[in-house]
C-alpha atoms as a PDB file:
ATOM      1  CA  MET A   1      -0.222   0.080   0.050  1.00  0.00           C
ATOM      2  CA  PHE A   2       1.277   3.296  -1.054  1.00  0.00           C
ATOM      3  CA  PRO A   3       0.103   6.767  -2.128  1.00  0.00           C
ATOM      4  CA  LYS A   4       0.697   7.803  -5.943  1.00  0.00           C
ATOM      5  CA  ASN A   5      -0.019  11.563  -5.351  1.00  0.00           C
ATOM      6  CA  ALA A   6       3.004  12.525  -3.916  1.00  0.00           C
ATOM      7  CA  TRP A   7       6.423  13.474  -5.093  1.00  0.00           C
ATOM      8  CA  TYR A   8       9.151  10.402  -4.751  1.00  0.00           C
ATOM      9  CA  VAL A   9      12.863  10.323  -5.716  1.00  0.00           C
ATOM     10  CA  ALA A  10      13.517   8.425  -8.463  1.00  0.00           C
ATOM     11  CA  CYS A  11      16.804   8.616  -9.446  1.00  0.00           C
ATOM     12  CA  THR A  12      19.955  10.591  -9.486  1.00  0.00           C
ATOM     13  CA  PRO A  13      20.923  13.066 -12.331  1.00  0.00           C
ATOM     14  CA  ASP A  14      24.245  10.702 -13.106  1.00  0.00           C
ATOM     15  CA  GLU A  15      21.905   7.758 -13.564  1.00  0.00           C
ATOM     16  CA  ILE A  16      20.621   8.936 -16.702  1.00  0.00           C
ATOM     17  CA  ASP A  17      23.147  11.616 -17.956  1.00  0.00           C
ATOM     18  CA  ASP A  18      24.484   8.843 -20.783  1.00  0.00           C
ATOM     19  CA  LYS A  19      21.442   6.419 -21.356  1.00  0.00           C
ATOM     20  CA  PRO A  20      17.821   5.986 -20.804  1.00  0.00           C
ATOM     21  CA  LEU A  21      16.993   4.425 -17.173  1.00  0.00           C
ATOM     22  CA  GLY A  22      14.139   2.080 -16.390  1.00  0.00           C
ATOM     23  CA  ARG A  23      12.827   2.035 -12.708  1.00  0.00           C
ATOM     24  CA  MET A  24       9.548   0.896 -11.478  1.00  0.00           C
ATOM     25  CA  ILE A  25       7.927   3.370  -8.823  1.00  0.00           C
ATOM     26  CA  CYS A  26       5.022   2.297  -6.915  1.00  0.00           C
ATOM     27  CA  GLY A  27       4.380  -0.254  -9.068  1.00  0.00           C
ATOM     28  CA  GLU A  28       4.589   1.463 -12.156  1.00  0.00           C
ATOM     29  CA  ARG A  29       6.907   0.828 -14.724  1.00  0.00           C
ATOM     30  CA  ILE A  30       8.979   3.761 -16.056  1.00  0.00           C
ATOM     31  CA  VAL A  31      11.663   5.159 -18.130  1.00  0.00           C
ATOM     32  CA  PHE A  32      13.912   8.190 -17.199  1.00  0.00           C
ATOM     33  CA  TYR A  33      15.673  10.225 -19.673  1.00  0.00           C
ATOM     34  CA  ARG A  34      17.231  13.790 -20.665  1.00  0.00           C
ATOM     35  CA  ALA A  35      15.021  15.161 -23.240  1.00  0.00           C
ATOM     36  CA  GLN A  36      15.276  18.177 -25.103  1.00  0.00           C
ATOM     37  CA  GLU A  37      18.023  20.229 -23.792  1.00  0.00           C
ATOM     38  CA  GLY A  38      18.827  18.234 -21.119  1.00  0.00           C
ATOM     39  CA  ALA A  39      15.283  18.338 -19.815  1.00  0.00           C
ATOM     40  CA  ALA A  40      15.063  15.394 -17.395  1.00  0.00           C
ATOM     41  CA  ALA A  41      11.792  13.449 -18.419  1.00  0.00           C
ATOM     42  CA  ALA A  42       9.794  10.672 -17.600  1.00  0.00           C
ATOM     43  CA  VAL A  43       7.147   8.286 -19.845  1.00  0.00           C
ATOM     44  CA  GLU A  44       5.637   4.438 -19.544  1.00  0.00           C
ATOM     45  CA  ASP A  45       9.064   2.217 -19.877  1.00  0.00           C
ATOM     46  CA  PHE A  46       6.378   0.390 -23.101  1.00  0.00           C
ATOM     47  CA  CYS A  47       6.793   0.544 -26.496  1.00  0.00           C
ATOM     48  CA  PRO A  48       3.483   0.961 -28.366  1.00  0.00           C
ATOM     49  CA  HIS A  49       4.795  -1.089 -30.998  1.00  0.00           C
ATOM     50  CA  ARG A  50       5.488  -4.538 -29.662  1.00  0.00           C
ATOM     51  CA  GLY A  51       5.380  -3.345 -25.794  1.00  0.00           C
ATOM     52  CA  ALA A  52       9.290  -3.383 -25.578  1.00  0.00           C
ATOM     53  CA  PRO A  53      11.170  -1.704 -22.960  1.00  0.00           C
ATOM     54  CA  LEU A  54      12.220   1.726 -23.818  1.00  0.00           C
ATOM     55  CA  SER A  55      14.808   1.667 -21.334  1.00  0.00           C
ATOM     56  CA  LEU A  56      16.489  -0.264 -23.254  1.00  0.00           C
ATOM     57  CA  GLY A  57      16.847   2.031 -26.231  1.00  0.00           C
ATOM     58  CA  ARG A  58      19.068   5.242 -26.299  1.00  0.00           C
ATOM     59  CA  VAL A  59      18.308   8.978 -26.739  1.00  0.00           C
ATOM     60  CA  VAL A  60      18.898  10.808 -29.607  1.00  0.00           C
ATOM     61  CA  GLU A  61      18.828  14.729 -29.963  1.00  0.00           C
ATOM     62  CA  GLY A  62      16.485  14.512 -27.487  1.00  0.00           C
ATOM     63  CA  LYS A  63      14.335  11.892 -28.372  1.00  0.00           C
ATOM     64  CA  LEU A  64      13.737   8.484 -26.947  1.00  0.00           C
ATOM     65  CA  VAL A  65      14.352   5.662 -29.334  1.00  0.00           C
ATOM     66  CA  CYS A  66      13.056   2.714 -29.151  1.00  0.00           C
ATOM     67  CA  GLY A  67      16.109  -0.285 -29.138  1.00  0.00           C
ATOM     68  CA  TYR A  68      13.698  -2.977 -30.674  1.00  0.00           C
ATOM     69  CA  HIS A  69      12.812  -1.139 -34.341  1.00  0.00           C
ATOM     70  CA  GLY A  70      13.416   2.246 -33.845  1.00  0.00           C
ATOM     71  CA  LEU A  71      10.342   4.066 -32.605  1.00  0.00           C
ATOM     72  CA  GLU A  72      10.914   7.514 -31.416  1.00  0.00           C
ATOM     73  CA  MET A  73       9.235   8.623 -28.223  1.00  0.00           C
ATOM     74  CA  GLY A  74       8.031  12.437 -27.534  1.00  0.00           C
ATOM     75  CA  CYS A  75       8.646  13.219 -23.500  1.00  0.00           C
ATOM     76  CA  ASP A  76       4.304  13.462 -23.454  1.00  0.00           C
ATOM     77  CA  GLY A  77       4.020   9.850 -24.343  1.00  0.00           C
ATOM     78  CA  LYS A  78       3.134  10.444 -28.185  1.00  0.00           C
ATOM     79  CA  THR A  79       5.055   8.727 -30.981  1.00  0.00           C
ATOM     80  CA  ILE A  80       6.821  11.378 -33.073  1.00  0.00           C
ATOM     81  CA  ALA A  81       8.044   9.063 -35.803  1.00  0.00           C
ATOM     82  CA  MET A  82       8.663   5.271 -36.872  1.00  0.00           C
ATOM     83  CA  PRO A  83      11.129   3.941 -39.968  1.00  0.00           C
ATOM     84  CA  GLY A  84       8.715   3.355 -43.086  1.00  0.00           C
ATOM     85  CA  GLN A  85       5.960   3.763 -40.845  1.00  0.00           C
ATOM     86  CA  ARG A  86       2.743   6.552 -40.517  1.00  0.00           C
ATOM     87  CA  VAL A  87       2.458   7.291 -36.928  1.00  0.00           C
ATOM     88  CA  ARG A  88      -0.655   9.494 -36.456  1.00  0.00           C
ATOM     89  CA  GLY A  89      -3.005   6.530 -35.357  1.00  0.00           C
ATOM     90  CA  PHE A  90      -0.228   5.173 -32.772  1.00  0.00           C
ATOM     91  CA  PRO A  91      -1.774   5.184 -29.043  1.00  0.00           C
ATOM     92  CA  CYS A  92      -0.177   7.388 -26.506  1.00  0.00           C
ATOM     93  CA  ILE A  93       1.680   6.027 -23.618  1.00  0.00           C
ATOM     94  CA  ARG A  94       1.773   7.926 -20.179  1.00  0.00           C
ATOM     95  CA  SER A  95       3.624  10.812 -18.921  1.00  0.00           C
ATOM     96  CA  PHE A  96       5.006  11.175 -15.889  1.00  0.00           C
ATOM     97  CA  PRO A  97       5.498  14.590 -14.252  1.00  0.00           C
ATOM     98  CA  VAL A  98       9.258  15.119 -13.372  1.00  0.00           C
ATOM     99  CA  ILE A  99      11.216  17.770 -11.255  1.00  0.00           C
ATOM    100  CA  GLU A 100      15.213  17.797 -10.818  1.00  0.00           C
ATOM    101  CA  ARG A 101      15.788  19.191  -7.677  1.00  0.00           C
ATOM    102  CA  TYR A 102      18.600  19.134  -4.800  1.00  0.00           C
ATOM    103  CA  GLY A 103      20.417  16.540  -6.494  1.00  0.00           C
ATOM    104  CA  TYR A 104      17.420  14.523  -7.427  1.00  0.00           C
ATOM    105  CA  ILE A 105      15.098  13.438  -9.935  1.00  0.00           C
ATOM    106  CA  TRP A 106      11.707  13.489  -8.257  1.00  0.00           C
ATOM    107  CA  VAL A 107       8.536  11.598  -9.961  1.00  0.00           C
ATOM    108  CA  TRP A 108       5.022  12.016  -9.903  1.00  0.00           C
ATOM    109  CA  PRO A 109       3.498   8.530 -10.338  1.00  0.00           C
ATOM    110  CA  GLY A 110      -0.036   9.092  -9.367  1.00  0.00           C
ATOM    111  CA  ASP A 111      -2.694  11.730 -10.880  1.00  0.00           C
ATOM    112  CA  ALA A 112      -0.191  14.655 -13.264  1.00  0.00           C
ATOM    113  CA  ALA A 113      -2.990  16.906 -12.936  1.00  0.00           C
ATOM    114  CA  GLN A 114      -2.445  17.159  -9.378  1.00  0.00           C
ATOM    115  CA  ALA A 115       1.511  17.056  -9.543  1.00  0.00           C
ATOM    116  CA  ASP A 116       2.049  20.560  -7.788  1.00  0.00           C
ATOM    117  CA  PRO A 117       5.480  21.854  -7.202  1.00  0.00           C
ATOM    118  CA  ALA A 118       4.840  23.339  -4.262  1.00  0.00           C
ATOM    119  CA  LYS A 119       4.785  20.044  -2.531  1.00  0.00           C
ATOM    120  CA  LEU A 120       8.273  19.538  -3.233  1.00  0.00           C
ATOM    121  CA  PRO A 121       9.759  19.327   0.101  1.00  0.00           C
ATOM    122  CA  HIS A 122      11.963  22.587   0.501  1.00  0.00           C
ATOM    123  CA  LEU A 123      15.944  21.659   1.603  1.00  0.00           C
ATOM    124  CA  ALA A 124      17.482  24.912   2.056  1.00  0.00           C
ATOM    125  CA  TRP A 125      20.734  23.262   2.924  1.00  0.00           C
ATOM    126  CA  ALA A 126      20.990  21.681  -0.750  1.00  0.00           C
ATOM    127  CA  GLU A 127      21.122  25.267  -2.079  1.00  0.00           C
ATOM    128  CA  SER A 128      23.886  26.591   0.648  1.00  0.00           C
ATOM    129  CA  PRO A 129      27.660  26.394   0.284  1.00  0.00           C
ATOM    130  CA  ASP A 130      28.075  26.418   3.767  1.00  0.00           C
ATOM    131  CA  TRP A 131      26.568  22.640   3.781  1.00  0.00           C
ATOM    132  CA  ALA A 132      28.362  19.503   2.020  1.00  0.00           C
ATOM    133  CA  PHE A 133      26.585  16.465   1.226  1.00  0.00           C
ATOM    134  CA  GLY A 134      27.442  12.846   0.553  1.00  0.00           C
ATOM    135  CA  GLY A 135      25.137  10.133  -0.278  1.00  0.00           C
ATOM    136  CA  GLY A 136      24.259   6.880  -1.750  1.00  0.00           C
ATOM    137  CA  ARG A 137      21.304   4.689  -2.829  1.00  0.00           C
ATOM    138  CA  TYR A 138      20.176   0.656  -1.946  1.00  0.00           C
ATOM    139  CA  HIS A 139      17.541  -1.335  -3.394  1.00  0.00           C
ATOM    140  CA  ILE A 140      15.800  -3.254  -0.589  1.00  0.00           C
ATOM    141  CA  HIS A 141      13.885  -6.224  -0.573  1.00  0.00           C
ATOM    142  CA  CYS A 142      11.206  -4.812   2.051  1.00  0.00           C
ATOM    143  CA  ASP A 143       8.235  -3.138   2.450  1.00  0.00           C
ATOM    144  CA  TYR A 144       8.824   0.479   2.419  1.00  0.00           C
ATOM    145  CA  ARG A 145       7.060   1.146   5.948  1.00  0.00           C
ATOM    146  CA  LEU A 146       9.479  -1.524   7.267  1.00  0.00           C
ATOM    147  CA  MET A 147      12.012   1.526   6.723  1.00  0.00           C
ATOM    148  CA  ILE A 148      10.258   3.763   8.052  1.00  0.00           C
ATOM    149  CA  ASP A 149       9.523   2.024  11.115  1.00  0.00           C
ATOM    150  CA  ASN A 150      13.491   1.781  11.325  1.00  0.00           C
ATOM    151  CA  LEU A 151      14.692   5.184  11.057  1.00  0.00           C
ATOM    152  CA  MET A 152      11.438   7.002  13.412  1.00  0.00           C
ATOM    153  CA  ASP A 153      13.092   4.269  16.361  1.00  0.00           C
ATOM    154  CA  LEU A 154      16.681   4.617  16.442  1.00  0.00           C
ATOM    155  CA  THR A 155      17.018   2.273  20.039  1.00  0.00           C
ATOM    156  CA  HIS A 156      18.145  -0.399  17.207  1.00  0.00           C
ATOM    157  CA  GLU A 157      21.044   1.661  16.983  1.00  0.00           C
ATOM    158  CA  LYS A 158      22.306  -0.201  20.043  1.00  0.00           C
ATOM    159  CA  TYR A 159      22.215  -3.479  18.432  1.00  0.00           C
ATOM    160  CA  VAL A 160      22.002  -3.406  15.008  1.00  0.00           C
ATOM    161  CA  HIS A 161      25.401  -0.957  14.952  1.00  0.00           C
ATOM    162  CA  ALA A 162      27.006  -1.716  17.749  1.00  0.00           C
ATOM    163  CA  THR A 163      30.443  -0.717  16.285  1.00  0.00           C
ATOM    164  CA  SER A 164      29.644   2.437  14.577  1.00  0.00           C
ATOM    165  CA  ILE A 165      26.646   4.495  16.127  1.00  0.00           C
ATOM    166  CA  GLY A 166      25.154   2.368  18.722  1.00  0.00           C
ATOM    167  CA  GLN A 167      25.921   2.771  22.733  1.00  0.00           C
ATOM    168  CA  LYS A 168      23.931   1.875  25.840  1.00  0.00           C
ATOM    169  CA  GLU A 169      22.870   5.261  26.833  1.00  0.00           C
ATOM    170  CA  LEU A 170      20.265   4.330  23.821  1.00  0.00           C
ATOM    171  CA  ASP A 171      18.107   2.051  26.194  1.00  0.00           C
ATOM    172  CA  GLU A 172      18.160   4.875  28.909  1.00  0.00           C
ATOM    173  CA  ALA A 173      17.446   7.887  27.275  1.00  0.00           C
ATOM    174  CA  LEU A 174      13.608   7.665  26.170  1.00  0.00           C
ATOM    175  CA  PRO A 175      12.202   9.257  23.088  1.00  0.00           C
ATOM    176  CA  THR A 176       9.176  11.673  22.783  1.00  0.00           C
ATOM    177  CA  THR A 177       7.006  11.769  19.980  1.00  0.00           C
ATOM    178  CA  LYS A 178       4.587  14.578  18.669  1.00  0.00           C
ATOM    179  CA  VAL A 179       2.948  15.251  15.744  1.00  0.00           C
ATOM    180  CA  ASP A 180       3.490  18.828  14.541  1.00  0.00           C
ATOM    181  CA  GLY A 181       0.703  19.381  11.579  1.00  0.00           C
ATOM    182  CA  ASP A 182       1.704  17.314   9.126  1.00  0.00           C
ATOM    183  CA  THR A 183       5.248  15.812  10.392  1.00  0.00           C
ATOM    184  CA  VAL A 184       5.968  13.273  13.031  1.00  0.00           C
ATOM    185  CA  ILE A 185       8.704  14.033  15.263  1.00  0.00           C
ATOM    186  CA  THR A 186      10.220  11.806  17.608  1.00  0.00           C
ATOM    187  CA  SER A 187      13.215  13.320  19.784  1.00  0.00           C
ATOM    188  CA  ARG A 188      16.236  11.806  21.744  1.00  0.00           C
ATOM    189  CA  TYR A 189      18.659  13.457  24.134  1.00  0.00           C
ATOM    190  CA  MET A 190      21.779  12.296  26.015  1.00  0.00           C
ATOM    191  CA  GLU A 191      23.924  13.503  27.929  1.00  0.00           C
ATOM    192  CA  ASN A 192      27.104  13.559  28.975  1.00  0.00           C
ATOM    193  CA  VAL A 193      28.125   9.929  27.175  1.00  0.00           C
ATOM    194  CA  MET A 194      31.030   9.311  25.306  1.00  0.00           C
ATOM    195  CA  PRO A 195      30.805   9.524  21.672  1.00  0.00           C
ATOM    196  CA  PRO A 196      30.545   6.039  19.695  1.00  0.00           C
ATOM    197  CA  PRO A 197      33.153   5.466  16.949  1.00  0.00           C
ATOM    198  CA  PHE A 198      30.960   7.189  13.904  1.00  0.00           C
ATOM    199  CA  TRP A 199      30.629  10.368  16.007  1.00  0.00           C
ATOM    200  CA  GLN A 200      34.409  10.321  17.263  1.00  0.00           C
ATOM    201  CA  ALA A 201      35.533  10.422  13.311  1.00  0.00           C
ATOM    202  CA  ALA A 202      33.147  13.641  13.100  1.00  0.00           C
ATOM    203  CA  LEU A 203      34.591  15.210  15.793  1.00  0.00           C
ATOM    204  CA  ARG A 204      37.877  14.971  14.797  1.00  0.00           C
ATOM    205  CA  GLY A 205      36.611  15.428  11.475  1.00  0.00           C
ATOM    206  CA  ASN A 206      36.347  19.179  12.839  1.00  0.00           C
ATOM    207  CA  HIS A 207      39.392  19.495  14.609  1.00  0.00           C
ATOM    208  CA  LEU A 208      37.393  18.527  17.888  1.00  0.00           C
ATOM    209  CA  ALA A 209      38.538  16.400  20.807  1.00  0.00           C
ATOM    210  CA  ASP A 210      37.167  13.138  20.574  1.00  0.00           C
ATOM    211  CA  ASP A 211      37.827  11.674  23.883  1.00  0.00           C
ATOM    212  CA  VAL A 212      35.565  13.775  25.718  1.00  0.00           C
ATOM    213  CA  PRO A 213      32.280  13.448  27.481  1.00  0.00           C
ATOM    214  CA  CYS A 214      29.086  14.598  25.193  1.00  0.00           C
ATOM    215  CA  ASP A 215      25.932  15.393  24.881  1.00  0.00           C
ATOM    216  CA  ARG A 216      24.520  13.738  21.607  1.00  0.00           C
ATOM    217  CA  TRP A 217      21.207  14.172  20.330  1.00  0.00           C
ATOM    218  CA  GLN A 218      18.508  12.153  17.344  1.00  0.00           C
ATOM    219  CA  ILE A 219      15.667  14.464  16.274  1.00  0.00           C
ATOM    220  CA  CYS A 220      13.676  12.456  13.835  1.00  0.00           C
ATOM    221  CA  ARG A 221      11.342  14.363  11.137  1.00  0.00           C
ATOM    222  CA  TYR A 222       9.145  12.064   8.976  1.00  0.00           C
ATOM    223  CA  THR A 223       6.801  13.666   5.946  1.00  0.00           C
ATOM    224  CA  ALA A 224       4.728  11.398   4.325  1.00  0.00           C
ATOM    225  CA  PRO A 225       4.695   9.405   2.262  1.00  0.00           C
ATOM    226  CA  GLY A 226       8.624   8.542   2.175  1.00  0.00           C
ATOM    227  CA  GLN A 227      11.196  11.711   3.437  1.00  0.00           C
ATOM    228  CA  ILE A 228      12.889  11.304   6.686  1.00  0.00           C
ATOM    229  CA  LEU A 229      15.266  13.630   7.908  1.00  0.00           C
ATOM    230  CA  ILE A 230      17.097  13.130  10.839  1.00  0.00           C
ATOM    231  CA  ASP A 231      18.746  16.328  13.352  1.00  0.00           C
ATOM    232  CA  VAL A 232      22.018  14.148  14.867  1.00  0.00           C
ATOM    233  CA  GLY A 233      24.934  15.421  16.370  1.00  0.00           C
ATOM    234  CA  VAL A 234      27.553  15.426  19.468  1.00  0.00           C
ATOM    235  CA  ALA A 235      28.774  18.355  21.098  1.00  0.00           C
ATOM    236  CA  HIS A 236      31.454  18.810  24.228  1.00  0.00           C
ATOM    237  CA  ALA A 237      29.156  18.167  26.973  1.00  0.00           C
ATOM    238  CA  GLY A 238      28.128  21.348  29.434  1.00  0.00           C
ATOM    239  CA  LYS A 239      28.562  23.649  25.532  1.00  0.00           C
ATOM    240  CA  GLY A 240      24.734  23.505  25.260  1.00  0.00           C
ATOM    241  CA  GLY A 241      24.004  20.032  23.334  1.00  0.00           C
ATOM    242  CA  PHE A 242      22.111  20.791  20.095  1.00  0.00           C
ATOM    243  CA  ASP A 243      22.053  24.608  20.732  1.00  0.00           C
ATOM    244  CA  ALA A 244      25.891  24.773  21.369  1.00  0.00           C
ATOM    245  CA  ASP A 245      27.972  27.164  19.316  1.00  0.00           C
ATOM    246  CA  PRO A 246      29.548  25.432  16.119  1.00  0.00           C
ATOM    247  CA  ALA A 247      33.091  25.428  18.111  1.00  0.00           C
ATOM    248  CA  PHE A 248      32.402  22.672  20.087  1.00  0.00           C
ATOM    249  CA  LYS A 249      30.234  20.268  17.974  1.00  0.00           C
ATOM    250  CA  ALA A 250      30.007  18.052  14.836  1.00  0.00           C
ATOM    251  CA  SER A 251      26.319  17.588  13.799  1.00  0.00           C
ATOM    252  CA  GLY A 252      24.319  17.633  10.411  1.00  0.00           C
ATOM    253  CA  ILE A 253      21.196  15.925   8.746  1.00  0.00           C
ATOM    254  CA  VAL A 254      20.488  12.335   8.007  1.00  0.00           C
ATOM    255  CA  VAL A 255      18.714  12.316   4.773  1.00  0.00           C
ATOM    256  CA  ASP A 256      16.423   9.712   3.851  1.00  0.00           C
ATOM    257  CA  PHE A 257      13.917   9.167   0.547  1.00  0.00           C
ATOM    258  CA  ILE A 258      11.990   6.061   0.679  1.00  0.00           C
ATOM    259  CA  THR A 259      10.267   5.087  -2.512  1.00  0.00           C
ATOM    260  CA  PRO A 260       8.165   1.914  -3.108  1.00  0.00           C
ATOM    261  CA  GLU A 261       8.864  -0.172  -6.043  1.00  0.00           C
ATOM    262  CA  THR A 262       6.560  -2.772  -5.506  1.00  0.00           C
ATOM    263  CA  GLU A 263       4.875  -4.055  -2.018  1.00  0.00           C
ATOM    264  CA  THR A 264       7.762  -5.609  -0.926  1.00  0.00           C
ATOM    265  CA  THR A 265      10.629  -3.832  -2.851  1.00  0.00           C
ATOM    266  CA  MET A 266      11.873  -0.285  -2.189  1.00  0.00           C
ATOM    267  CA  TRP A 267      14.373   2.126  -3.376  1.00  0.00           C
ATOM    268  CA  TYR A 268      16.553   4.072  -0.658  1.00  0.00           C
ATOM    269  CA  PHE A 269      18.168   7.364  -1.061  1.00  0.00           C
ATOM    270  CA  TRP A 270      20.154   8.425   2.196  1.00  0.00           C
ATOM    271  CA  GLY A 271      23.056  10.422   2.628  1.00  0.00           C
ATOM    272  CA  LEU A 272      24.397  13.147   5.402  1.00  0.00           C
ATOM    273  CA  ALA A 273      24.742  16.244   5.164  1.00  0.00           C
ATOM    274  CA  ARG A 274      26.805  18.833   7.652  1.00  0.00           C
ATOM    275  CA  ASN A 275      27.502  22.112   7.947  1.00  0.00           C
ATOM    276  CA  PHE A 276      31.143  21.836   9.483  1.00  0.00           C
ATOM    277  CA  GLN A 277      34.502  21.822   7.087  1.00  0.00           C
ATOM    278  CA  PRO A 278      32.132  21.701   3.866  1.00  0.00           C
ATOM    279  CA  ARG A 279      34.806  22.026   1.738  1.00  0.00           C
ATOM    280  CA  ASP A 280      36.772  18.741   2.847  1.00  0.00           C
ATOM    281  CA  LYS A 281      36.238  16.509   0.283  1.00  0.00           C
ATOM    282  CA  ALA A 282      38.083  14.074   1.831  1.00  0.00           C
ATOM    283  CA  LEU A 283      35.942  14.231   4.884  1.00  0.00           C
ATOM    284  CA  THR A 284      33.010  14.149   3.037  1.00  0.00           C
ATOM    285  CA  ALA A 285      34.147  10.912   1.285  1.00  0.00           C
ATOM    286  CA  SER A 286      34.813   8.982   4.647  1.00  0.00           C
ATOM    287  CA  ILE A 287      31.577  10.236   6.253  1.00  0.00           C
ATOM    288  CA  ARG A 288      29.996   8.500   3.420  1.00  0.00           C
ATOM    289  CA  GLU A 289      31.457   5.335   3.113  1.00  0.00           C
ATOM    290  CA  ALA A 290      31.111   5.232   7.340  1.00  0.00           C
ATOM    291  CA  GLN A 291      27.646   6.052   6.827  1.00  0.00           C
ATOM    292  CA  GLY A 292      26.799   3.658   3.582  1.00  0.00           C
ATOM    293  CA  LYS A 293      28.207   0.839   5.992  1.00  0.00           C
ATOM    294  CA  VAL A 294      25.992   1.513   8.885  1.00  0.00           C
ATOM    295  CA  PHE A 295      23.068   1.536   6.258  1.00  0.00           C
ATOM    296  CA  ALA A 296      24.113  -2.004   4.713  1.00  0.00           C
ATOM    297  CA  GLU A 297      23.624  -3.343   8.231  1.00  0.00           C
ATOM    298  CA  ASP A 298      20.201  -2.012   8.291  1.00  0.00           C
ATOM    299  CA  LEU A 299      19.963  -3.724   4.983  1.00  0.00           C
ATOM    300  CA  GLU A 300      20.483  -6.996   6.210  1.00  0.00           C
ATOM    301  CA  MET A 301      18.425  -6.841   9.012  1.00  0.00           C
ATOM    302  CA  LEU A 302      15.017  -5.304   7.212  1.00  0.00           C
ATOM    303  CA  GLU A 303      15.440  -8.252   4.481  1.00  0.00           C
ATOM    304  CA  SER A 304      15.561 -10.850   6.953  1.00  0.00           C
ATOM    305  CA  GLN A 305      12.426  -9.035   8.672  1.00  0.00           C
ATOM    306  CA  GLN A 306      10.423  -8.874   5.392  1.00  0.00           C
ATOM    307  CA  ARG A 307      11.190 -12.731   5.050  1.00  0.00           C
ATOM    308  CA  ASN A 308      10.020 -13.874   8.312  1.00  0.00           C
ATOM    309  CA  LEU A 309       6.765 -11.384   7.619  1.00  0.00           C
ATOM    310  CA  LEU A 310       5.955 -13.266   4.415  1.00  0.00           C
ATOM    311  CA  THR A 311       6.471 -16.747   6.082  1.00  0.00           C
ATOM    312  CA  TRP A 312       3.770 -15.729   8.848  1.00  0.00           C
ATOM    313  CA  PRO A 313       1.407 -13.332   7.507  1.00  0.00           C
ATOM    314  CA  GLU A 314      -1.035 -13.976  10.175  1.00  0.00           C
ATOM    315  CA  ARG A 315       1.323 -12.793  13.441  1.00  0.00           C
ATOM    316  CA  LYS A 316       0.717  -9.527  14.904  1.00  0.00           C
ATOM    317  CA  LEU A 317       3.467  -7.260  15.980  1.00  0.00           C
ATOM    318  CA  LEU A 318       3.660  -5.435  18.886  1.00  0.00           C
ATOM    319  CA  SER A 319       3.847  -1.617  19.274  1.00  0.00           C
ATOM    320  CA  LEU A 320       6.137  -0.307  22.482  1.00  0.00           C
ATOM    321  CA  ASN A 321       6.974   3.083  23.789  1.00  0.00           C
ATOM    322  CA  THR A 322       9.580   3.190  21.563  1.00  0.00           C
ATOM    323  CA  ASP A 323       7.515   2.284  18.320  1.00  0.00           C
ATOM    324  CA  ALA A 324       5.672   5.730  18.859  1.00  0.00           C
ATOM    325  CA  GLY A 325       7.624   7.664  16.128  1.00  0.00           C
ATOM    326  CA  GLY A 326       6.603   4.805  13.584  1.00  0.00           C
ATOM    327  CA  VAL A 327       3.150   4.188  14.723  1.00  0.00           C
ATOM    328  CA  GLN A 328       2.343   8.492  14.484  1.00  0.00           C
ATOM    329  CA  ALA A 329       3.946   7.795  11.179  1.00  0.00           C
ATOM    330  CA  ARG A 330       1.853   5.130   9.655  1.00  0.00           C
ATOM    331  CA  ARG A 331      -1.374   6.886  10.948  1.00  0.00           C
ATOM    332  CA  MET A 332      -0.212   9.819   8.690  1.00  0.00           C
ATOM    333  CA  LEU A 333       0.730   7.417   5.669  1.00  0.00           C
ATOM    334  CA  ASP A 334      -2.789   5.341   6.246  1.00  0.00           C
ATOM    335  CA  LYS A 335      -4.769   8.584   5.881  1.00  0.00           C
ATOM    336  CA  MET A 336      -2.992   9.857   3.052  1.00  0.00           C
ATOM    337  CA  ILE A 337      -3.723   6.336   1.550  1.00  0.00           C
ATOM    338  CA  GLU A 338      -7.451   6.159   2.645  1.00  0.00           C
ATOM    339  CA  GLN A 339      -7.922  10.071   1.014  1.00  0.00           C
ATOM    340  CA  GLU A 340      -6.615   8.848  -2.040  1.00  0.00           C
ATOM    341  CA  ARG A 341      -8.427   6.134  -2.351  1.00  0.00           C
ATOM    342  CA  ASP A 342     -11.669   7.734  -1.101  1.00  0.00           C
ATOM    343  CA  ALA A 343     -10.881  10.620  -4.428  1.00  0.00           C
ATOM    344  CA  ALA A 344     -10.810   7.238  -6.929  1.00  0.00           C
ATOM    345  CA  ALA A 345     -13.913   5.531  -5.540  1.00  0.00           C
ATOM    346  CA  GLU A 346     -15.772   9.213  -5.843  1.00  0.00           C
ATOM    347  CA  ALA A 347     -14.353  10.421  -9.661  1.00  0.00           C
ATOM    348  CA  SER A 348     -15.791   6.957 -11.049  1.00  0.00           C
ATOM    349  CA  ALA A 349     -18.776   6.964  -9.434  1.00  0.00           C
END
């Protein structure tokens, strides 16, 4: 179950710079490519001639050319030309609204008439020279909602990420959850704790002592259907924690864009935006590598969890105090799905 009338991250710009990219988003097979003047475009990954995937073709002067018999497709879903054929009567295929912004290609897989650019999230850090970003992408065999649960309850860090970002105080500092408009916020603060290995490295990267007690924070912000931004960081103890002067802390925003592929598979675009030492490319690379290893540990757990849930579909899962963020996020998501279904039923009545 996933809403389609929303913006999802489909790919990164470099994935379509040289050739078309076929990718399933919310159950829709879509081909992404660069059309006239390099603009990102997306249409159904289906040639109206013989049904071949257009993603197996190539782009010539902004036109998508089928790799089977040379049919040329326009970004509006209308056939432009085909060798030796008149194409006026060819059926149109579906086109999808796309926006290229913040280093991603976004797609609206639902009703194109409802695609409002104003509904794209605003990411100020992505347009500021005072911030650096490094990230990656994983294809994960699990229900995308399991990833939302995972990111809204970071208690698991103590166990899944014991050698990188986990520490015993995660169990001792209980999180709080609230709903603020269309955002679910789960916060956890740990005071006077030793920083775990990942944050020790981040402190060193900001030329700060890494062997002294620190105040640590995690503020997870979920916006339906698939965006979680997490304020994270450590500051030398007693300097103000989250509000500490930049001279005493290493902090950033964990960026999580969750895009359903099918009911049991998803695309996960991850990264860390930081506002310390933003021009240090070596630091960006080392943080990206370390973060990639952390998320790879989540991947193994989530895929194993999904296999269990498919094996025992009749078993109900428990919701504990630390699950409050995930529970509220699912409620928000379920409401969005229900509203979409009701609108579709009303339109077809």
